[in-house]
PDB file of N, CA and C in Angstrom:
ATOM      1  N   MET A   1     -96.616-260.088  12.650  1.00  0.00           N
ATOM      2  CA  MET A   1     -95.543-261.205  12.097  1.00  0.00           C
ATOM      3  C   MET A   1     -94.284-259.977  11.822  1.00  0.00           C
ATOM      4  N   PRO A   2     -93.012-260.158  12.689  1.00  0.00           N
ATOM      5  CA  PRO A   2     -92.079-259.382  12.423  1.00  0.00           C
ATOM      6  C   PRO A   2     -91.321-259.921  10.926  1.00  0.00           C
ATOM      7  N   ALA A   3     -90.551-258.658  10.207  1.00  0.00           N
ATOM      8  CA  ALA A   3     -89.670-258.999   8.958  1.00  0.00           C
ATOM      9  C   ALA A   3     -88.476-258.773   9.594  1.00  0.00           C
ATOM     10  N   VAL A   4     -87.486-259.818   9.122  1.00  0.00           N
ATOM     11  CA  VAL A   4     -86.453-259.763   9.557  1.00  0.00           C
ATOM     12  C   VAL A   4     -85.152-259.848   8.498  1.00  0.00           C
ATOM     13  N   THR A   5     -83.656-259.396   8.558  1.00  0.00           N
ATOM     14  CA  THR A   5     -82.942-259.565   7.643  1.00  0.00           C
ATOM     15  C   THR A   5     -82.718-261.085   7.652  1.00  0.00           C
ATOM     16  N   TYR A   6     -81.824-261.196   6.152  1.00  0.00           N
ATOM     17  CA  TYR A   6     -81.304-262.488   6.203  1.00  0.00           C
ATOM     18  C   TYR A   6     -80.054-262.608   5.003  1.00  0.00           C
ATOM     19  N   SER A   7     -78.978-263.168   5.775  1.00  0.00           N
ATOM     20  CA  SER A   7     -77.798-262.516   4.980  1.00  0.00           C
ATOM     21  C   SER A   7     -77.311-264.027   3.857  1.00  0.00           C
ATOM     22  N   HIS A   8     -77.901-265.157   4.344  1.00  0.00           N
ATOM     23  CA  HIS A   8     -77.634-266.494   3.635  1.00  0.00           C
ATOM     24  C   HIS A   8     -79.111-267.132   3.862  1.00  0.00           C
ATOM     25  N   SER A   9     -79.254-268.293   3.387  1.00  0.00           N
ATOM     26  CA  SER A   9     -80.019-269.262   3.597  1.00  0.00           C
ATOM     27  C   SER A   9     -79.205-270.874   4.356  1.00  0.00           C
ATOM     28  N   PRO A  10     -79.533-271.599   5.582  1.00  0.00           N
ATOM     29  CA  PRO A  10     -78.679-272.278   6.471  1.00  0.00           C
ATOM     30  C   PRO A  10     -79.249-273.686   5.282  1.00  0.00           C
ATOM     31  N   SER A  11     -80.554-273.643   4.569  1.00  0.00           N
ATOM     32  CA  SER A  11     -80.666-274.610   3.953  1.00  0.00           C
ATOM     33  C   SER A  11     -80.064-274.719   2.174  1.00  0.00           C
ATOM     34  N   GLY A  12     -79.890-273.654   1.890  1.00  0.00           N
ATOM     35  CA  GLY A  12     -78.961-273.784   0.777  1.00  0.00           C
ATOM     36  C   GLY A  12     -79.472-273.079  -0.280  1.00  0.00           C
ATOM     37  N   ARG A  13     -80.906-272.244  -0.113  1.00  0.00           N
ATOM     38  CA  ARG A  13     -81.339-271.726  -1.117  1.00  0.00           C
ATOM     39  C   ARG A  13     -80.233-270.345  -1.981  1.00  0.00           C
ATOM     40  N   TYR A  14     -80.862-269.759  -2.620  1.00  0.00           N
ATOM     41  CA  TYR A  14     -79.788-268.965  -3.273  1.00  0.00           C
ATOM     42  C   TYR A  14     -78.547-269.556  -3.692  1.00  0.00           C
ATOM     43  N   GLY A  15     -78.335-270.566  -4.056  1.00  0.00           N
ATOM     44  CA  GLY A  15     -77.135-271.496  -4.028  1.00  0.00           C
ATOM     45  C   GLY A  15     -75.960-271.253  -3.050  1.00  0.00           C
ATOM     46  N   GLY A  16     -76.771-270.914  -2.096  1.00  0.00           N
ATOM     47  CA  GLY A  16     -75.594-271.088  -0.805  1.00  0.00           C
ATOM     48  C   GLY A  16     -75.029-269.497  -0.465  1.00  0.00           C
ATOM     49  N   GLY A  17     -75.555-268.656  -1.321  1.00  0.00           N
ATOM     50  CA  GLY A  17     -74.384-267.308  -1.764  1.00  0.00           C
ATOM     51  C   GLY A  17     -74.652-266.417  -0.382  1.00  0.00           C
ATOM     52  N   ARG A  18     -74.490-265.286  -0.228  1.00  0.00           N
ATOM     53  CA  ARG A  18     -74.447-264.002   0.909  1.00  0.00           C
ATOM     54  C   ARG A  18     -75.851-263.166  -0.119  1.00  0.00           C
ATOM     55  N   ILE A  19     -76.793-262.850   0.331  1.00  0.00           N
ATOM     56  CA  ILE A  19     -77.944-262.178   0.084  1.00  0.00           C
ATOM     57  C   ILE A  19     -77.995-260.935   1.335  1.00  0.00           C
ATOM     58  N   ALA A  20     -78.600-260.177   0.722  1.00  0.00           N
ATOM     59  CA  ALA A  20     -79.139-258.909   1.550  1.00  0.00           C
ATOM     60  C   ALA A  20     -80.984-259.075   1.575  1.00  0.00           C
ATOM     61  N   HIS A  21     -81.709-259.478   2.108  1.00  0.00           N
ATOM     62  CA  HIS A  21     -82.897-259.792   1.935  1.00  0.00           C
ATOM     63  C   HIS A  21     -83.796-259.668   3.165  1.00  0.00           C
ATOM     64  N   MET A  22     -85.238-259.206   3.418  1.00  0.00           N
ATOM     65  CA  MET A  22     -86.136-259.472   4.101  1.00  0.00           C
ATOM     66  C   MET A  22     -86.883-260.721   3.839  1.00  0.00           C
ATOM     67  N   VAL A  23     -87.242-261.524   5.382  1.00  0.00           N
ATOM     68  CA  VAL A  23     -88.011-262.486   5.121  1.00  0.00           C
ATOM     69  C   VAL A  23     -89.048-262.033   6.331  1.00  0.00           C
ATOM     70  N   ASN A  24     -90.125-263.104   6.309  1.00  0.00           N
ATOM     71  CA  ASN A  24     -91.044-263.100   7.639  1.00  0.00           C
ATOM     72  C   ASN A  24     -90.818-264.065   8.181  1.00  0.00           C
ATOM     73  N   LEU A  25     -90.702-263.660   9.763  1.00  0.00           N
ATOM     74  CA  LEU A  25     -90.611-265.005  10.962  1.00  0.00           C
ATOM     75  C   LEU A  25     -91.492-265.302  11.214  1.00  0.00           C
ATOM     76  N   VAL A  26     -92.090-266.425  10.598  1.00  0.00           N
ATOM     77  CA  VAL A  26     -93.407-267.099  11.179  1.00  0.00           C
ATOM     78  C   VAL A  26     -93.212-267.624  12.412  1.00  0.00           C
ATOM     79  N   HIS A  27     -92.203-268.126  12.812  1.00  0.00           N
ATOM     80  CA  HIS A  27     -92.300-268.991  14.130  1.00  0.00           C
ATOM     81  C   HIS A  27     -90.414-268.826  14.794  1.00  0.00           C
ATOM     82  N   ALA A  28     -90.631-268.961  16.267  1.00  0.00           N
ATOM     83  CA  ALA A  28     -89.803-268.484  16.956  1.00  0.00           C
ATOM     84  C   ALA A  28     -89.964-269.026  18.266  1.00  0.00           C
ATOM     85  N   ASP A  29     -88.720-270.131  18.875  1.00  0.00           N
ATOM     86  CA  ASP A  29     -88.832-270.540  20.213  1.00  0.00           C
ATOM     87  C   ASP A  29     -87.285-271.085  20.795  1.00  0.00           C
ATOM     88  N   ASP A  30     -87.081-271.404  21.814  1.00  0.00           N
ATOM     89  CA  ASP A  30     -86.411-271.968  22.272  1.00  0.00           C
ATOM     90  C   ASP A  30     -85.569-273.259  21.238  1.00  0.00           C
ATOM     91  N   ARG A  31     -86.113-273.796  20.455  1.00  0.00           N
ATOM     92  CA  ARG A  31     -85.484-274.714  19.488  1.00  0.00           C
ATOM     93  C   ARG A  31     -85.565-274.621  18.000  1.00  0.00           C
ATOM     94  N   TYR A  32     -86.752-273.981  17.503  1.00  0.00           N
ATOM     95  CA  TYR A  32     -86.402-273.479  16.139  1.00  0.00           C
ATOM     96  C   TYR A  32     -87.371-271.819  15.831  1.00  0.00           C
ATOM     97  N   PHE A  33     -86.561-271.988  14.933  1.00  0.00           N
ATOM     98  CA  PHE A  33     -86.963-270.616  13.895  1.00  0.00           C
ATOM     99  C   PHE A  33     -87.072-270.757  12.837  1.00  0.00           C
ATOM    100  N   ALA A  34     -88.252-270.112  11.872  1.00  0.00           N
ATOM    101  CA  ALA A  34     -88.878-270.606  11.242  1.00  0.00           C
ATOM    102  C   ALA A  34     -89.057-269.083  10.112  1.00  0.00           C
ATOM    103  N   VAL A  35     -88.783-269.613   8.610  1.00  0.00           N
ATOM    104  CA  VAL A  35     -89.291-268.078   8.175  1.00  0.00           C
ATOM    105  C   VAL A  35     -89.811-268.314   6.945  1.00  0.00           C
ATOM    106  N   LEU A  36     -90.200-267.233   6.360  1.00  0.00           N
ATOM    107  CA  LEU A  36     -91.251-267.775   5.115  1.00  0.00           C
ATOM    108  C   LEU A  36     -90.422-266.377   4.180  1.00  0.00           C
ATOM    109  N   ASP A  37     -90.010-266.726   3.337  1.00  0.00           N
ATOM    110  CA  ASP A  37     -89.373-265.942   2.090  1.00  0.00           C
ATOM    111  C   ASP A  37     -89.967-266.175   0.991  1.00  0.00           C
ATOM    112  N   ASN A  38     -90.528-265.053   0.425  1.00  0.00           N
ATOM    113  CA  ASN A  38     -91.509-264.509  -0.515  1.00  0.00           C
ATOM    114  C   ASN A  38     -91.104-264.701  -1.855  1.00  0.00           C
ATOM    115  N   ASN A  39     -89.643-265.152  -2.087  1.00  0.00           N
ATOM    116  CA  ASN A  39     -89.439-265.783  -3.269  1.00  0.00           C
ATOM    117  C   ASN A  39     -89.379-267.559  -3.545  1.00  0.00           C
ATOM    118  N   TYR A  40     -90.012-267.729  -2.442  1.00  0.00           N
ATOM    119  CA  TYR A  40     -90.227-269.250  -1.699  1.00  0.00           C
ATOM    120  C   TYR A  40     -91.694-269.649  -1.261  1.00  0.00           C
ATOM    121  N   ILE A  41     -93.020-269.322  -1.744  1.00  0.00           N
ATOM    122  CA  ILE A  41     -93.972-269.385  -1.304  1.00  0.00           C
ATOM    123  C   ILE A  41     -94.567-270.375  -0.704  1.00  0.00           C
ATOM    124  N   GLY A  42     -95.622-270.716   0.165  1.00  0.00           N
ATOM    125  CA  GLY A  42     -96.384-271.794   0.263  1.00  0.00           C
ATOM    126  C   GLY A  42     -95.764-272.449   1.705  1.00  0.00           C
ATOM    127  N   SER A  43     -97.159-272.982   2.279  1.00  0.00           N
ATOM    128  CA  SER A  43     -96.537-273.626   3.605  1.00  0.00           C
ATOM    129  C   SER A  43     -95.205-274.823   3.827  1.00  0.00           C
ATOM    130  N   ASN A  44     -95.062-275.417   2.255  1.00  0.00           N
ATOM    131  CA  ASN A  44     -94.403-276.123   2.375  1.00  0.00           C
ATOM    132  C   ASN A  44     -93.097-275.541   2.158  1.00  0.00           C
ATOM    133  N   GLN A  45     -92.736-274.256   1.783  1.00  0.00           N
ATOM    134  CA  GLN A  45     -91.747-273.795   1.742  1.00  0.00           C
ATOM    135  C   GLN A  45     -91.222-272.916   2.726  1.00  0.00           C
ATOM    136  N   ILE A  46     -91.583-273.244   4.021  1.00  0.00           N
ATOM    137  CA  ILE A  46     -91.040-272.307   5.086  1.00  0.00           C
ATOM    138  C   ILE A  46     -90.009-273.107   5.642  1.00  0.00           C
ATOM    139  N   GLU A  47     -88.716-272.014   5.908  1.00  0.00           N
ATOM    140  CA  GLU A  47     -87.433-272.993   6.047  1.00  0.00           C
ATOM    141  C   GLU A  47     -87.344-272.813   7.706  1.00  0.00           C
ATOM    142  N   TRP A  48     -87.054-274.043   7.981  1.00  0.00           N
ATOM    143  CA  TRP A  48     -86.721-274.192   9.816  1.00  0.00           C
ATOM    144  C   TRP A  48     -85.065-273.917   9.617  1.00  0.00           C
ATOM    145  N   MET A  49     -84.796-273.686  11.048  1.00  0.00           N
ATOM    146  CA  MET A  49     -83.352-273.430  11.222  1.00  0.00           C
ATOM    147  C   MET A  49     -83.509-273.444  13.361  1.00  0.00           C
ATOM    148  N   THR A  50     -82.311-273.864  12.984  1.00  0.00           N
ATOM    149  CA  THR A  50     -82.000-273.610  14.828  1.00  0.00           C
ATOM    150  C   THR A  50     -82.028-272.191  15.377  1.00  0.00           C
ATOM    151  N   PRO A  51     -81.828-271.990  16.633  1.00  0.00           N
ATOM    152  CA  PRO A  51     -81.469-270.561  17.019  1.00  0.00           C
ATOM    153  C   PRO A  51     -80.460-270.098  16.483  1.00  0.00           C
ATOM    154  N   GLU A  52     -79.199-270.970  16.476  1.00  0.00           N
ATOM    155  CA  GLU A  52     -77.951-270.521  16.284  1.00  0.00           C
ATOM    156  C   GLU A  52     -77.961-270.229  14.513  1.00  0.00           C
ATOM    157  N   GLU A  53     -78.586-270.926  13.849  1.00  0.00           N
ATOM    158  CA  GLU A  53     -78.527-270.774  12.055  1.00  0.00           C
ATOM    159  C   GLU A  53     -79.318-269.780  12.163  1.00  0.00           C
ATOM    160  N   PHE A  54     -80.473-269.252  12.712  1.00  0.00           N
ATOM    161  CA  PHE A  54     -81.091-268.174  12.550  1.00  0.00           C
ATOM    162  C   PHE A  54     -80.252-266.618  12.755  1.00  0.00           C
ATOM    163  N   ARG A  55     -79.264-266.918  14.117  1.00  0.00           N
ATOM    164  CA  ARG A  55     -78.666-265.820  14.298  1.00  0.00           C
ATOM    165  C   ARG A  55     -77.759-265.290  13.245  1.00  0.00           C
ATOM    166  N   ARG A  56     -77.143-266.283  12.773  1.00  0.00           N
ATOM    167  CA  ARG A  56     -75.897-265.992  12.152  1.00  0.00           C
ATOM    168  C   ARG A  56     -76.617-265.873  10.567  1.00  0.00           C
ATOM    169  N   SER A  57     -77.523-265.898  10.321  1.00  0.00           N
ATOM    170  CA  SER A  57     -78.166-265.619   8.984  1.00  0.00           C
ATOM    171  C   SER A  57     -78.895-263.922   9.148  1.00  0.00           C
ATOM    172  N   TRP A  58     -79.417-263.888  10.150  1.00  0.00           N
ATOM    173  CA  TRP A  58     -79.701-262.547  10.705  1.00  0.00           C
ATOM    174  C   TRP A  58     -78.833-261.486  10.950  1.00  0.00           C
ATOM    175  N   THR A  59     -77.396-261.523  11.112  1.00  0.00           N
ATOM    176  CA  THR A  59     -76.656-260.804  11.705  1.00  0.00           C
ATOM    177  C   THR A  59     -75.734-261.091  10.793  1.00  0.00           C
ATOM    178  N   GLY A  60     -75.599-261.895   9.766  1.00  0.00           N
ATOM    179  CA  GLY A  60     -74.172-262.121   8.833  1.00  0.00           C
ATOM    180  C   GLY A  60     -73.851-260.837   8.044  1.00  0.00           C
ATOM    181  N   LEU A  61     -74.566-259.574   7.737  1.00  0.00           N
ATOM    182  CA  LEU A  61     -74.007-258.493   7.278  1.00  0.00           C
ATOM    183  C   LEU A  61     -73.551-257.487   8.115  1.00  0.00           C
ATOM    184  N   GLY A  62     -73.318-258.101   9.410  1.00  0.00           N
ATOM    185  CA  GLY A  62     -72.886-256.930  10.321  1.00  0.00           C
ATOM    186  C   GLY A  62     -73.997-256.622  11.211  1.00  0.00           C
ATOM    187  N   GLY A  63     -74.946-257.214  11.159  1.00  0.00           N
ATOM    188  CA  GLY A  63     -76.107-256.188  12.414  1.00  0.00           C
ATOM    189  C   GLY A  63     -77.061-257.176  11.501  1.00  0.00           C
ATOM    190  N   GLY A  64     -78.329-256.879  12.427  1.00  0.00           N
ATOM    191  CA  GLY A  64     -79.617-257.410  12.131  1.00  0.00           C
ATOM    192  C   GLY A  64     -80.753-256.633  12.454  1.00  0.00           C
ATOM    193  N   TRP A  65     -82.013-256.820  11.402  1.00  0.00           N
ATOM    194  CA  TRP A  65     -83.086-255.720  11.350  1.00  0.00           C
ATOM    195  C   TRP A  65     -84.222-256.482  11.736  1.00  0.00           C
ATOM    196  N   ALA A  66     -84.852-256.163  12.228  1.00  0.00           N
ATOM    197  CA  ALA A  66     -86.230-256.633  12.490  1.00  0.00           C
ATOM    198  C   ALA A  66     -87.406-255.340  12.726  1.00  0.00           C
ATOM    199  N   VAL A  67     -88.252-255.731  11.611  1.00  0.00           N
ATOM    200  CA  VAL A  67     -89.172-254.270  11.563  1.00  0.00           C
ATOM    201  C   VAL A  67     -90.803-255.147  11.995  1.00  0.00           C
ATOM    202  N   ILE A  68     -91.120-254.341  12.788  1.00  0.00           N
ATOM    203  CA  ILE A  68     -92.643-255.017  13.855  1.00  0.00           C
ATOM    204  C   ILE A  68     -93.937-254.035  13.490  1.00  0.00           C
ATOM    205  N   LEU A  69     -94.675-253.873  12.690  1.00  0.00           N
ATOM    206  CA  LEU A  69     -96.131-252.904  12.779  1.00  0.00           C
ATOM    207  C   LEU A  69     -96.500-252.867  13.899  1.00  0.00           C
ATOM    208  N   LEU A  70     -96.770-251.845  14.482  1.00  0.00           N
ATOM    209  CA  LEU A  70     -97.665-251.532  15.638  1.00  0.00           C
ATOM    210  C   LEU A  70     -99.011-251.262  15.607  1.00  0.00           C
ATOM    211  N   ALA A  71     -99.364-251.013  14.426  1.00  0.00           N
ATOM    212  CA  ALA A  71    -100.930-250.371  14.087  1.00  0.00           C
ATOM    213  C   ALA A  71    -101.460-251.367  12.853  1.00  0.00           C
ATOM    214  N   ALA A  72    -102.604-251.382  12.525  1.00  0.00           N
ATOM    215  CA  ALA A  72    -103.060-251.776  11.382  1.00  0.00           C
ATOM    216  C   ALA A  72    -102.816-250.909  10.218  1.00  0.00           C
ATOM    217  N   PRO A  73    -102.964-251.489   9.260  1.00  0.00           N
ATOM    218  CA  PRO A  73    -102.559-250.620   7.830  1.00  0.00           C
ATOM    219  C   PRO A  73    -103.966-250.119   7.616  1.00  0.00           C
ATOM    220  N   PRO A  74    -103.419-249.033   6.956  1.00  0.00           N
ATOM    221  CA  PRO A  74    -105.008-248.184   6.563  1.00  0.00           C
ATOM    222  C   PRO A  74    -105.792-248.584   6.025  1.00  0.00           C
ATOM    223  N   PRO A  75    -106.862-248.635   5.702  1.00  0.00           N
ATOM    224  CA  PRO A  75    -107.805-249.279   4.539  1.00  0.00           C
ATOM    225  C   PRO A  75    -107.448-248.861   3.481  1.00  0.00           C
ATOM    226  N   PRO A  76    -107.852-250.051   2.098  1.00  0.00           N
ATOM    227  CA  PRO A  76    -107.548-249.892   0.706  1.00  0.00           C
ATOM    228  C   PRO A  76    -108.428-248.582   0.305  1.00  0.00           C
ATOM    229  N   SER A  77    -107.242-248.162  -0.830  1.00  0.00           N
ATOM    230  CA  SER A  77    -108.113-246.829  -1.577  1.00  0.00           C
ATOM    231  C   SER A  77    -109.401-247.335  -2.281  1.00  0.00           C
ATOM    232  N   PRO A  78    -110.770-246.262  -2.265  1.00  0.00           N
ATOM    233  CA  PRO A  78    -111.738-247.159  -2.723  1.00  0.00           C
ATOM    234  C   PRO A  78    -111.579-247.252  -4.251  1.00  0.00           C
ATOM    235  N   THR A  79    -112.459-247.651  -4.709  1.00  0.00           N
ATOM    236  CA  THR A  79    -112.557-248.131  -6.310  1.00  0.00           C
ATOM    237  C   THR A  79    -113.988-247.447  -6.401  1.00  0.00           C
ATOM    238  N   GLY A  80    -114.257-247.587  -8.015  1.00  0.00           N
ATOM    239  CA  GLY A  80    -115.310-246.896  -8.349  1.00  0.00           C
ATOM    240  C   GLY A  80    -116.741-247.348  -7.662  1.00  0.00           C
ATOM    241  N   ALA A  81    -117.527-246.033  -7.690  1.00  0.00           N
ATOM    242  CA  ALA A  81    -118.943-246.687  -7.481  1.00  0.00           C
ATOM    243  C   ALA A  81    -119.771-247.625  -8.168  1.00  0.00           C
ATOM    244  N   ASN A  82    -120.512-248.380  -7.427  1.00  0.00           N
ATOM    245  CA  ASN A  82    -121.222-249.294  -8.423  1.00  0.00           C
ATOM    246  C   ASN A  82    -122.693-249.102  -8.065  1.00  0.00           C
TER     247      ASN A  82
END
């Protein structure tokens, strides 16, 4: 799941002001984009927007970043032996 930059919330989160934040892009197609913000968690908190709304939010601070991990993460650190 890509992480993308987010400069404002089209639905008015954060008081409608500008922000510098990374969110997870959980859906993207020709009609809708959806982001999951770690400050608004839960399936009912996914923010849906049009592709144009997403583009404005993604590039609103002069450019857009996307982070896509290409490999699985390392295993967790071992805990004490049982």
